[in-house]
Amino acid sequence: MNELHAIEIEGMSRSAFLLRGALAVGAAYGGAAAGPFVAQALAQDSASDVDVLNFALGLENLEASFYAAALKTGKLSGEVKTLATEFGKHETTHADTLQQLISQLGGTASGTAKAKVVVRNQADFLKLAAQLEDLGVGAYNGAVPAIQEPAVLSAAGSIVQTEARHAAAMRFHAGLEPAPSAFDPALSTAQVQAALKKL
């Protein structure tokens, strides 16, 4: 059974490189929900820094929406609720920073996702949060080789460290190993496609 009852994504950017990694999140949400989004992303062959930032912005907005929904419908309590509140604020701050970088590069922010997310309970929240944060880390790691501007690379490096801390915390509360390996993966297009075929 999917951890999310429903998710709808519209209006994502045309970006490619980071999107290819991050949309393995579709494996967590369900192929039917993420399929059109993924198909559009995988059709792209290259990405500029603005493209990478726009998808990162969409991802951060999606994560912020996820945390907001979990706080409303997930029946969260205690430390888990505190972390969801804090991490949601982090994702919003990340999105604000990415928007500023896009503007500084002369681009237009288009990575705004409209997401409808329903999280039914705390156990489902923790399982999906761990998957989402892990895949976000892999997505940022996968984007690094495509980044040209030092300011963008610096921002991505700083954000991915925080995302990794989110992942460790959520994994711990979900009863998983917080740091299961010495290295986090950089997700490739082939890995994403393989993950989607398993749905």
N, C-alpha and C. Protein backbone atom coordinates (compact mmCIF):
# COMPACT_ATOMS: atom_id res chain seq x y z
N MET A 1 0.85 -1.20 0.00
CA MET A 1 0.00 0.00 0.00
C MET A 1 0.88 1.25 0.00
N ASN A 2 0.57 2.22 -0.82
CA ASN A 2 1.34 3.46 -0.87
C ASN A 2 1.19 4.23 0.42
N GLU A 3 2.28 4.86 0.83
CA GLU A 3 2.24 5.65 2.04
C GLU A 3 1.42 6.92 1.86
N LEU A 4 1.41 7.43 0.64
CA LEU A 4 0.61 8.62 0.37
C LEU A 4 -0.72 8.20 -0.23
N HIS A 5 -1.75 8.81 0.27
CA HIS A 5 -3.08 8.54 -0.28
C HIS A 5 -3.23 9.16 -1.66
N ALA A 6 -2.70 10.37 -1.82
CA ALA A 6 -2.82 11.04 -3.11
C ALA A 6 -1.72 12.06 -3.27
N ILE A 7 -1.24 12.20 -4.48
CA ILE A 7 -0.33 13.29 -4.81
C ILE A 7 -0.56 13.68 -6.26
N GLU A 8 -0.70 14.94 -6.49
CA GLU A 8 -0.87 15.45 -7.84
C GLU A 8 0.18 16.53 -8.04
N ILE A 9 0.89 16.46 -9.17
CA ILE A 9 1.96 17.41 -9.44
C ILE A 9 1.70 18.07 -10.78
N GLU A 10 1.72 19.38 -10.78
CA GLU A 10 1.52 20.13 -12.01
C GLU A 10 2.52 21.27 -12.09
N GLY A 11 2.81 21.71 -13.29
CA GLY A 11 3.55 22.94 -13.49
C GLY A 11 5.02 22.87 -13.14
N MET A 12 5.64 21.68 -13.21
CA MET A 12 7.05 21.59 -12.92
C MET A 12 7.85 22.12 -14.11
N SER A 13 9.11 22.46 -13.86
CA SER A 13 9.95 23.03 -14.90
C SER A 13 10.40 21.96 -15.90
N ARG A 14 11.08 22.41 -16.95
CA ARG A 14 11.57 21.51 -17.99
C ARG A 14 12.94 20.94 -17.64
N SER A 15 13.44 21.17 -16.45
CA SER A 15 14.80 20.78 -16.13
C SER A 15 15.00 19.29 -16.24
N ALA A 16 16.27 18.89 -16.35
CA ALA A 16 16.54 17.49 -16.61
C ALA A 16 17.43 16.83 -15.57
N PHE A 17 18.63 17.29 -15.44
CA PHE A 17 19.64 16.51 -14.72
C PHE A 17 19.23 16.19 -13.30
N LEU A 18 18.93 17.21 -12.53
CA LEU A 18 18.52 16.96 -11.16
C LEU A 18 17.20 16.22 -11.12
N LEU A 19 16.32 16.55 -12.04
CA LEU A 19 15.01 15.90 -12.08
C LEU A 19 15.16 14.40 -12.27
N ARG A 20 16.08 14.01 -13.11
CA ARG A 20 16.25 12.58 -13.37
C ARG A 20 16.54 11.82 -12.09
N GLY A 21 17.33 12.41 -11.20
CA GLY A 21 17.59 11.74 -9.95
C GLY A 21 16.44 11.83 -8.99
N ALA A 22 15.93 13.00 -8.80
CA ALA A 22 14.93 13.20 -7.76
C ALA A 22 13.64 12.48 -8.04
N LEU A 23 13.32 12.27 -9.29
CA LEU A 23 12.02 11.66 -9.57
C LEU A 23 11.97 10.17 -9.35
N ALA A 24 13.04 9.63 -8.82
CA ALA A 24 12.91 8.28 -8.29
C ALA A 24 11.95 8.31 -7.12
N VAL A 25 11.67 9.52 -6.64
CA VAL A 25 10.63 9.70 -5.62
C VAL A 25 9.31 9.12 -6.13
N GLY A 26 9.18 9.05 -7.45
CA GLY A 26 7.99 8.43 -8.01
C GLY A 26 7.80 7.00 -7.53
N ALA A 27 8.90 6.36 -7.21
CA ALA A 27 8.80 5.01 -6.68
C ALA A 27 8.09 4.99 -5.35
N ALA A 28 8.25 6.07 -4.59
CA ALA A 28 7.58 6.15 -3.30
C ALA A 28 6.13 6.59 -3.45
N TYR A 29 5.87 7.49 -4.42
CA TYR A 29 4.53 8.04 -4.56
C TYR A 29 3.61 7.16 -5.39
N GLY A 30 4.22 6.38 -6.29
CA GLY A 30 3.40 5.58 -7.19
C GLY A 30 3.54 6.08 -8.61
N GLY A 31 3.76 5.16 -9.53
CA GLY A 31 4.03 5.53 -10.92
C GLY A 31 2.91 6.29 -11.58
N ALA A 32 1.68 5.96 -11.27
CA ALA A 32 0.56 6.62 -11.94
C ALA A 32 0.55 8.11 -11.64
N ALA A 33 0.89 8.47 -10.41
CA ALA A 33 0.88 9.88 -10.03
C ALA A 33 2.05 10.64 -10.64
N ALA A 34 3.22 10.01 -10.65
CA ALA A 34 4.43 10.71 -11.08
C ALA A 34 4.76 10.49 -12.54
N GLY A 35 4.12 9.52 -13.19
CA GLY A 35 4.48 9.15 -14.55
C GLY A 35 4.60 10.27 -15.55
N PRO A 36 3.57 11.12 -15.72
CA PRO A 36 3.68 12.20 -16.71
C PRO A 36 4.80 13.17 -16.39
N PHE A 37 5.00 13.43 -15.10
CA PHE A 37 6.07 14.32 -14.65
C PHE A 37 7.42 13.74 -15.03
N VAL A 38 7.61 12.45 -14.80
CA VAL A 38 8.86 11.77 -15.10
C VAL A 38 9.10 11.71 -16.59
N ALA A 39 8.06 11.39 -17.35
CA ALA A 39 8.21 11.28 -18.80
C ALA A 39 8.70 12.59 -19.40
N GLN A 40 8.16 13.69 -18.91
CA GLN A 40 8.59 15.01 -19.41
C GLN A 40 10.05 15.24 -19.05
N ALA A 41 10.43 14.89 -17.84
CA ALA A 41 11.79 15.12 -17.39
C ALA A 41 12.80 14.30 -18.16
N LEU A 42 12.49 13.03 -18.37
CA LEU A 42 13.44 12.14 -19.02
C LEU A 42 13.60 12.44 -20.51
N ALA A 43 12.73 13.26 -21.06
CA ALA A 43 12.85 13.65 -22.46
C ALA A 43 13.94 14.69 -22.67
N GLN A 44 14.40 15.29 -21.59
CA GLN A 44 15.41 16.33 -21.69
C GLN A 44 16.81 15.71 -21.74
N ASP A 45 17.73 16.32 -22.47
CA ASP A 45 19.07 15.77 -22.61
C ASP A 45 20.13 16.54 -21.84
N SER A 46 19.90 17.77 -21.50
CA SER A 46 20.91 18.56 -20.80
C SER A 46 20.22 19.62 -19.98
N ALA A 47 20.98 20.22 -19.08
CA ALA A 47 20.39 21.21 -18.20
C ALA A 47 21.39 22.30 -17.90
N SER A 48 20.94 23.54 -17.94
CA SER A 48 21.76 24.66 -17.52
C SER A 48 21.63 24.80 -16.01
N ASP A 49 22.42 25.71 -15.44
CA ASP A 49 22.32 25.96 -14.01
C ASP A 49 20.90 26.42 -13.64
N VAL A 50 20.29 27.23 -14.48
CA VAL A 50 18.93 27.69 -14.20
C VAL A 50 17.96 26.52 -14.25
N ASP A 51 18.16 25.60 -15.21
CA ASP A 51 17.31 24.40 -15.27
C ASP A 51 17.44 23.58 -13.99
N VAL A 52 18.68 23.37 -13.56
CA VAL A 52 18.93 22.59 -12.34
C VAL A 52 18.29 23.28 -11.15
N LEU A 53 18.47 24.59 -11.05
CA LEU A 53 17.88 25.34 -9.94
C LEU A 53 16.36 25.29 -9.97
N ASN A 54 15.78 25.37 -11.16
CA ASN A 54 14.32 25.35 -11.25
C ASN A 54 13.75 24.01 -10.82
N PHE A 55 14.44 22.92 -11.20
CA PHE A 55 13.91 21.67 -10.69
C PHE A 55 14.14 21.53 -9.20
N ALA A 56 15.31 21.95 -8.73
CA ALA A 56 15.57 21.92 -7.29
C ALA A 56 14.50 22.71 -6.55
N LEU A 57 14.11 23.84 -7.13
CA LEU A 57 13.03 24.64 -6.54
C LEU A 57 11.73 23.85 -6.49
N GLY A 58 11.41 23.16 -7.57
CA GLY A 58 10.21 22.34 -7.58
C GLY A 58 10.28 21.24 -6.53
N LEU A 59 11.44 20.62 -6.40
CA LEU A 59 11.62 19.57 -5.41
C LEU A 59 11.46 20.12 -3.99
N GLU A 60 12.07 21.27 -3.73
CA GLU A 60 11.96 21.86 -2.40
C GLU A 60 10.51 22.25 -2.10
N ASN A 61 9.81 22.79 -3.10
CA ASN A 61 8.40 23.12 -2.89
C ASN A 61 7.58 21.86 -2.62
N LEU A 62 7.90 20.78 -3.33
CA LEU A 62 7.20 19.52 -3.11
C LEU A 62 7.45 19.00 -1.69
N GLU A 63 8.70 19.07 -1.25
CA GLU A 63 9.02 18.63 0.10
C GLU A 63 8.32 19.50 1.15
N ALA A 64 8.31 20.80 0.92
CA ALA A 64 7.62 21.69 1.85
C ALA A 64 6.14 21.35 1.91
N SER A 65 5.54 21.06 0.74
CA SER A 65 4.13 20.67 0.70
C SER A 65 3.89 19.36 1.44
N PHE A 66 4.81 18.43 1.28
CA PHE A 66 4.72 17.15 1.97
C PHE A 66 4.70 17.34 3.49
N TYR A 67 5.64 18.14 3.99
CA TYR A 67 5.70 18.36 5.44
C TYR A 67 4.45 19.10 5.93
N ALA A 68 4.00 20.08 5.17
CA ALA A 68 2.79 20.81 5.56
C ALA A 68 1.59 19.88 5.62
N ALA A 69 1.46 19.01 4.62
CA ALA A 69 0.34 18.07 4.60
C ALA A 69 0.43 17.10 5.76
N ALA A 70 1.63 16.62 6.04
CA ALA A 70 1.80 15.67 7.15
C ALA A 70 1.40 16.30 8.47
N LEU A 71 1.71 17.56 8.65
CA LEU A 71 1.34 18.25 9.89
C LEU A 71 -0.17 18.41 10.00
N LYS A 72 -0.85 18.49 8.86
CA LYS A 72 -2.31 18.64 8.88
C LYS A 72 -3.04 17.31 9.02
N THR A 73 -2.58 16.28 8.32
CA THR A 73 -3.37 15.05 8.23
C THR A 73 -2.67 13.80 8.77
N GLY A 74 -1.39 13.92 9.14
CA GLY A 74 -0.63 12.73 9.49
C GLY A 74 -0.69 12.32 10.95
N LYS A 75 -1.42 13.07 11.76
CA LYS A 75 -1.54 12.74 13.18
C LYS A 75 -0.17 12.60 13.84
N LEU A 76 0.72 13.54 13.51
CA LEU A 76 2.07 13.51 14.05
C LEU A 76 2.07 13.98 15.50
N SER A 77 3.04 13.48 16.25
CA SER A 77 3.12 13.87 17.66
C SER A 77 4.58 13.88 18.12
N GLY A 78 4.80 14.50 19.26
CA GLY A 78 6.10 14.47 19.90
C GLY A 78 7.23 15.00 19.04
N GLU A 79 8.38 14.32 19.12
CA GLU A 79 9.57 14.76 18.40
C GLU A 79 9.38 14.69 16.90
N VAL A 80 8.61 13.73 16.42
CA VAL A 80 8.36 13.62 14.98
C VAL A 80 7.64 14.87 14.48
N LYS A 81 6.66 15.33 15.23
CA LYS A 81 5.94 16.56 14.84
C LYS A 81 6.88 17.76 14.87
N THR A 82 7.74 17.82 15.87
CA THR A 82 8.71 18.92 15.97
C THR A 82 9.64 18.92 14.77
N LEU A 83 10.14 17.73 14.40
CA LEU A 83 11.05 17.63 13.25
C LEU A 83 10.34 17.99 11.95
N ALA A 84 9.12 17.52 11.77
CA ALA A 84 8.38 17.84 10.56
C ALA A 84 8.18 19.35 10.42
N THR A 85 7.90 20.00 11.54
CA THR A 85 7.73 21.46 11.53
C THR A 85 9.03 22.15 11.14
N GLU A 86 10.13 21.73 11.76
CA GLU A 86 11.43 22.33 11.48
C GLU A 86 11.89 22.06 10.06
N PHE A 87 11.74 20.81 9.61
CA PHE A 87 12.20 20.45 8.27
C PHE A 87 11.37 21.14 7.20
N GLY A 88 10.08 21.31 7.45
CA GLY A 88 9.25 22.06 6.51
C GLY A 88 9.73 23.49 6.35
N LYS A 89 10.15 24.10 7.45
CA LYS A 89 10.70 25.46 7.39
C LYS A 89 12.00 25.47 6.60
N HIS A 90 12.83 24.45 6.81
CA HIS A 90 14.08 24.36 6.04
C HIS A 90 13.80 24.30 4.55
N GLU A 91 12.83 23.47 4.15
CA GLU A 91 12.52 23.33 2.73
C GLU A 91 12.04 24.65 2.14
N THR A 92 11.25 25.39 2.90
CA THR A 92 10.79 26.70 2.44
C THR A 92 11.97 27.66 2.28
N THR A 93 12.90 27.64 3.23
CA THR A 93 14.09 28.48 3.15
C THR A 93 14.94 28.09 1.95
N HIS A 94 15.08 26.79 1.71
CA HIS A 94 15.82 26.34 0.52
C HIS A 94 15.16 26.90 -0.74
N ALA A 95 13.85 26.81 -0.81
CA ALA A 95 13.13 27.30 -1.99
C ALA A 95 13.37 28.80 -2.19
N ASP A 96 13.32 29.56 -1.11
CA ASP A 96 13.57 31.01 -1.20
C ASP A 96 14.98 31.29 -1.73
N THR A 97 15.96 30.55 -1.24
CA THR A 97 17.35 30.73 -1.67
C THR A 97 17.50 30.39 -3.14
N LEU A 98 16.88 29.30 -3.57
CA LEU A 98 16.97 28.90 -4.98
C LEU A 98 16.32 29.93 -5.89
N GLN A 99 15.20 30.50 -5.46
CA GLN A 99 14.56 31.55 -6.24
C GLN A 99 15.50 32.74 -6.41
N GLN A 100 16.19 33.12 -5.34
CA GLN A 100 17.14 34.23 -5.40
C GLN A 100 18.27 33.94 -6.38
N LEU A 101 18.80 32.71 -6.34
CA LEU A 101 19.87 32.34 -7.26
C LEU A 101 19.41 32.37 -8.71
N ILE A 102 18.21 31.90 -8.94
CA ILE A 102 17.67 31.94 -10.32
C ILE A 102 17.61 33.38 -10.81
N SER A 103 17.13 34.26 -9.97
CA SER A 103 17.06 35.69 -10.34
C SER A 103 18.44 36.26 -10.59
N GLN A 104 19.41 35.92 -9.74
CA GLN A 104 20.77 36.42 -9.90
C GLN A 104 21.41 35.96 -11.20
N LEU A 105 20.99 34.78 -11.67
CA LEU A 105 21.51 34.26 -12.94
C LEU A 105 20.73 34.78 -14.15
N GLY A 106 19.74 35.63 -13.89
CA GLY A 106 18.95 36.19 -14.97
C GLY A 106 17.86 35.27 -15.47
N GLY A 107 17.57 34.23 -14.71
CA GLY A 107 16.54 33.28 -15.11
C GLY A 107 15.19 33.61 -14.51
N THR A 108 14.21 32.82 -14.87
CA THR A 108 12.85 32.95 -14.35
C THR A 108 12.50 31.70 -13.58
N ALA A 109 12.05 31.89 -12.36
CA ALA A 109 11.68 30.74 -11.53
C ALA A 109 10.45 30.06 -12.11
N SER A 110 10.60 28.77 -12.43
CA SER A 110 9.46 28.02 -12.96
C SER A 110 9.30 26.68 -12.27
N GLY A 111 10.11 26.42 -11.27
CA GLY A 111 10.05 25.15 -10.59
C GLY A 111 9.05 25.14 -9.46
N THR A 112 7.86 25.62 -9.75
CA THR A 112 6.84 25.66 -8.71
C THR A 112 5.85 24.54 -8.93
N ALA A 113 5.80 23.62 -8.00
CA ALA A 113 4.90 22.47 -8.12
C ALA A 113 3.64 22.72 -7.32
N LYS A 114 2.52 22.35 -7.90
CA LYS A 114 1.27 22.33 -7.16
C LYS A 114 1.08 20.89 -6.72
N ALA A 115 1.21 20.64 -5.45
CA ALA A 115 1.13 19.28 -4.97
C ALA A 115 -0.01 19.12 -3.99
N LYS A 116 -0.81 18.10 -4.20
CA LYS A 116 -1.85 17.74 -3.25
C LYS A 116 -1.41 16.44 -2.60
N VAL A 117 -1.11 16.51 -1.32
CA VAL A 117 -0.56 15.37 -0.60
C VAL A 117 -1.42 15.08 0.61
N VAL A 118 -1.71 13.82 0.83
CA VAL A 118 -2.42 13.41 2.04
C VAL A 118 -1.59 12.31 2.71
N VAL A 119 -1.20 12.55 3.94
CA VAL A 119 -0.46 11.57 4.73
C VAL A 119 -1.39 11.09 5.82
N ARG A 120 -1.60 9.77 5.90
CA ARG A 120 -2.64 9.24 6.78
C ARG A 120 -2.24 9.07 8.23
N ASN A 121 -0.98 8.75 8.50
CA ASN A 121 -0.59 8.52 9.89
C ASN A 121 0.92 8.70 10.04
N GLN A 122 1.39 8.67 11.26
CA GLN A 122 2.78 8.95 11.54
C GLN A 122 3.71 7.88 10.96
N ALA A 123 3.31 6.63 11.01
CA ALA A 123 4.16 5.56 10.46
C ALA A 123 4.35 5.74 8.95
N ASP A 124 3.26 6.03 8.25
CA ASP A 124 3.36 6.28 6.81
C ASP A 124 4.24 7.50 6.53
N PHE A 125 4.04 8.54 7.34
CA PHE A 125 4.85 9.75 7.18
C PHE A 125 6.33 9.44 7.29
N LEU A 126 6.72 8.71 8.34
CA LEU A 126 8.14 8.43 8.56
C LEU A 126 8.74 7.61 7.43
N LYS A 127 8.00 6.62 6.96
CA LYS A 127 8.51 5.79 5.88
C LYS A 127 8.73 6.61 4.61
N LEU A 128 7.75 7.41 4.26
CA LEU A 128 7.86 8.19 3.04
C LEU A 128 8.86 9.33 3.20
N ALA A 129 8.89 9.96 4.37
CA ALA A 129 9.85 11.05 4.60
C ALA A 129 11.28 10.55 4.43
N ALA A 130 11.57 9.36 4.95
CA ALA A 130 12.91 8.80 4.81
C ALA A 130 13.24 8.56 3.34
N GLN A 131 12.29 8.00 2.58
CA GLN A 131 12.51 7.76 1.16
C GLN A 131 12.70 9.07 0.40
N LEU A 132 11.84 10.02 0.68
CA LEU A 132 11.88 11.31 -0.02
C LEU A 132 13.19 12.04 0.24
N GLU A 133 13.61 12.08 1.50
CA GLU A 133 14.86 12.78 1.83
C GLU A 133 16.07 12.04 1.26
N ASP A 134 16.08 10.70 1.33
CA ASP A 134 17.17 9.94 0.73
C ASP A 134 17.29 10.23 -0.76
N LEU A 135 16.16 10.22 -1.45
CA LEU A 135 16.18 10.44 -2.89
C LEU A 135 16.54 11.88 -3.24
N GLY A 136 16.15 12.81 -2.37
CA GLY A 136 16.56 14.19 -2.57
C GLY A 136 18.06 14.35 -2.50
N VAL A 137 18.68 13.65 -1.55
CA VAL A 137 20.14 13.68 -1.44
C VAL A 137 20.78 13.14 -2.72
N GLY A 138 20.28 12.01 -3.19
CA GLY A 138 20.80 11.44 -4.43
C GLY A 138 20.62 12.37 -5.61
N ALA A 139 19.50 13.08 -5.64
CA ALA A 139 19.24 14.01 -6.73
C ALA A 139 20.23 15.16 -6.73
N TYR A 140 20.47 15.73 -5.56
CA TYR A 140 21.47 16.81 -5.48
C TYR A 140 22.85 16.29 -5.84
N ASN A 141 23.20 15.11 -5.34
CA ASN A 141 24.51 14.54 -5.69
C ASN A 141 24.63 14.34 -7.20
N GLY A 142 23.56 13.91 -7.82
CA GLY A 142 23.57 13.71 -9.26
C GLY A 142 23.69 15.00 -10.04
N ALA A 143 23.23 16.10 -9.46
CA ALA A 143 23.25 17.39 -10.16
C ALA A 143 24.61 18.05 -10.16
N VAL A 144 25.43 17.74 -9.18
CA VAL A 144 26.68 18.46 -8.98
C VAL A 144 27.54 18.53 -10.24
N PRO A 145 27.74 17.44 -10.99
CA PRO A 145 28.59 17.54 -12.17
C PRO A 145 28.07 18.48 -13.25
N ALA A 146 26.78 18.78 -13.25
CA ALA A 146 26.20 19.64 -14.28
C ALA A 146 26.28 21.12 -13.93
N ILE A 147 26.63 21.44 -12.70
CA ILE A 147 26.61 22.82 -12.24
C ILE A 147 27.87 23.56 -12.67
N GLN A 148 27.67 24.77 -13.20
CA GLN A 148 28.78 25.58 -13.70
C GLN A 148 29.18 26.71 -12.74
N GLU A 149 28.20 27.41 -12.20
CA GLU A 149 28.47 28.61 -11.40
C GLU A 149 28.87 28.23 -9.97
N PRO A 150 29.95 28.82 -9.44
CA PRO A 150 30.37 28.53 -8.07
C PRO A 150 29.30 28.81 -7.02
N ALA A 151 28.52 29.87 -7.20
CA ALA A 151 27.48 30.19 -6.22
C ALA A 151 26.40 29.11 -6.19
N VAL A 152 26.09 28.56 -7.36
CA VAL A 152 25.09 27.50 -7.43
C VAL A 152 25.64 26.23 -6.80
N LEU A 153 26.89 25.92 -7.10
CA LEU A 153 27.52 24.74 -6.52
C LEU A 153 27.58 24.85 -4.99
N SER A 154 27.91 26.04 -4.50
CA SER A 154 27.96 26.26 -3.06
C SER A 154 26.60 26.06 -2.41
N ALA A 155 25.57 26.62 -3.03
CA ALA A 155 24.21 26.47 -2.48
C ALA A 155 23.78 25.01 -2.49
N ALA A 156 24.02 24.31 -3.61
CA ALA A 156 23.63 22.91 -3.70
C ALA A 156 24.36 22.07 -2.66
N GLY A 157 25.66 22.35 -2.48
CA GLY A 157 26.44 21.62 -1.49
C GLY A 157 25.94 21.85 -0.08
N SER A 158 25.54 23.06 0.21
CA SER A 158 25.02 23.38 1.54
C SER A 158 23.65 22.74 1.77
N ILE A 159 22.81 22.81 0.76
CA ILE A 159 21.46 22.23 0.89
C ILE A 159 21.52 20.72 1.04
N VAL A 160 22.35 20.06 0.24
CA VAL A 160 22.39 18.60 0.29
C VAL A 160 22.85 18.10 1.65
N GLN A 161 23.71 18.86 2.32
CA GLN A 161 24.12 18.45 3.66
C GLN A 161 22.94 18.48 4.63
N THR A 162 22.12 19.50 4.52
CA THR A 162 20.94 19.59 5.38
C THR A 162 19.94 18.50 5.03
N GLU A 163 19.76 18.24 3.74
CA GLU A 163 18.85 17.17 3.32
C GLU A 163 19.33 15.82 3.87
N ALA A 164 20.63 15.61 3.89
CA ALA A 164 21.17 14.36 4.43
C ALA A 164 20.88 14.25 5.93
N ARG A 165 20.95 15.36 6.64
CA ARG A 165 20.60 15.33 8.07
C ARG A 165 19.11 15.04 8.25
N HIS A 166 18.29 15.62 7.39
CA HIS A 166 16.85 15.29 7.42
C HIS A 166 16.67 13.79 7.22
N ALA A 167 17.35 13.26 6.20
CA ALA A 167 17.20 11.84 5.89
C ALA A 167 17.60 10.97 7.08
N ALA A 168 18.72 11.29 7.71
CA ALA A 168 19.19 10.50 8.84
C ALA A 168 18.18 10.54 9.99
N ALA A 169 17.65 11.72 10.26
CA ALA A 169 16.68 11.85 11.36
C ALA A 169 15.41 11.06 11.06
N MET A 170 14.91 11.16 9.84
CA MET A 170 13.70 10.45 9.49
C MET A 170 13.92 8.95 9.45
N ARG A 171 15.07 8.53 8.97
CA ARG A 171 15.39 7.10 8.97
C ARG A 171 15.45 6.57 10.41
N PHE A 172 16.07 7.32 11.29
CA PHE A 172 16.17 6.91 12.69
C PHE A 172 14.79 6.72 13.31
N HIS A 173 13.92 7.70 13.11
CA HIS A 173 12.57 7.63 13.70
C HIS A 173 11.70 6.57 13.03
N ALA A 174 12.07 6.19 11.80
CA ALA A 174 11.34 5.13 11.10
C ALA A 174 11.88 3.75 11.46
N GLY A 175 12.89 3.70 12.33
CA GLY A 175 13.47 2.43 12.74
C GLY A 175 14.49 1.89 11.75
N LEU A 176 15.03 2.77 10.92
CA LEU A 176 16.02 2.38 9.92
C LEU A 176 17.40 2.87 10.35
N GLU A 177 18.42 2.30 9.74
CA GLU A 177 19.79 2.76 9.99
C GLU A 177 19.93 4.19 9.49
N PRO A 178 20.35 5.14 10.35
CA PRO A 178 20.44 6.54 9.91
C PRO A 178 21.43 6.78 8.77
N ALA A 179 22.56 6.07 8.80
CA ALA A 179 23.57 6.23 7.74
C ALA A 179 23.98 4.84 7.28
N PRO A 180 23.22 4.24 6.35
CA PRO A 180 23.44 2.84 5.99
C PRO A 180 24.70 2.54 5.19
N SER A 181 25.33 3.55 4.61
CA SER A 181 26.56 3.30 3.86
C SER A 181 27.51 4.49 3.99
N ALA A 182 28.74 4.27 3.59
CA ALA A 182 29.77 5.31 3.71
C ALA A 182 29.60 6.42 2.69
N PHE A 183 28.88 6.15 1.60
CA PHE A 183 28.70 7.13 0.55
C PHE A 183 27.23 7.15 0.12
N ASP A 184 26.72 8.35 -0.15
CA ASP A 184 25.38 8.48 -0.71
C ASP A 184 25.48 8.41 -2.23
N PRO A 185 24.50 7.82 -2.89
CA PRO A 185 24.58 7.69 -4.35
C PRO A 185 24.29 9.00 -5.07
N ALA A 186 24.85 9.11 -6.26
CA ALA A 186 24.45 10.14 -7.21
C ALA A 186 23.56 9.43 -8.22
N LEU A 187 22.29 9.75 -8.23
CA LEU A 187 21.34 8.99 -9.04
C LEU A 187 21.42 9.36 -10.51
N SER A 188 21.48 8.34 -11.35
CA SER A 188 21.56 8.53 -12.80
C SER A 188 20.20 8.30 -13.44
N THR A 189 20.11 8.66 -14.72
CA THR A 189 18.88 8.43 -15.46
C THR A 189 18.53 6.94 -15.48
N ALA A 190 19.53 6.09 -15.72
CA ALA A 190 19.28 4.65 -15.79
C ALA A 190 18.74 4.12 -14.46
N GLN A 191 19.29 4.62 -13.37
CA GLN A 191 18.80 4.18 -12.05
C GLN A 191 17.36 4.61 -11.82
N VAL A 192 17.04 5.82 -12.26
CA VAL A 192 15.66 6.29 -12.12
C VAL A 192 14.72 5.43 -12.95
N GLN A 193 15.09 5.17 -14.20
CA GLN A 193 14.24 4.35 -15.06
C GLN A 193 14.05 2.95 -14.47
N ALA A 194 15.13 2.39 -13.92
CA ALA A 194 15.02 1.06 -13.31
C ALA A 194 14.07 1.09 -12.11
N ALA A 195 14.16 2.15 -11.31
CA ALA A 195 13.28 2.27 -10.15
C ALA A 195 11.83 2.37 -10.58
N LEU A 196 11.58 3.11 -11.65
CA LEU A 196 10.20 3.28 -12.11
C LEU A 196 9.64 1.98 -12.68
N LYS A 197 10.49 1.16 -13.29
CA LYS A 197 10.02 -0.11 -13.85
C LYS A 197 9.60 -1.09 -12.76
N LYS A 198 10.07 -0.88 -11.55
CA LYS A 198 9.73 -1.76 -10.43
C LYS A 198 8.39 -1.42 -9.81
N LEU A 199 7.78 -0.31 -10.24
CA LEU A 199 6.51 0.09 -9.63
C LEU A 199 5.38 -0.86 -10.02
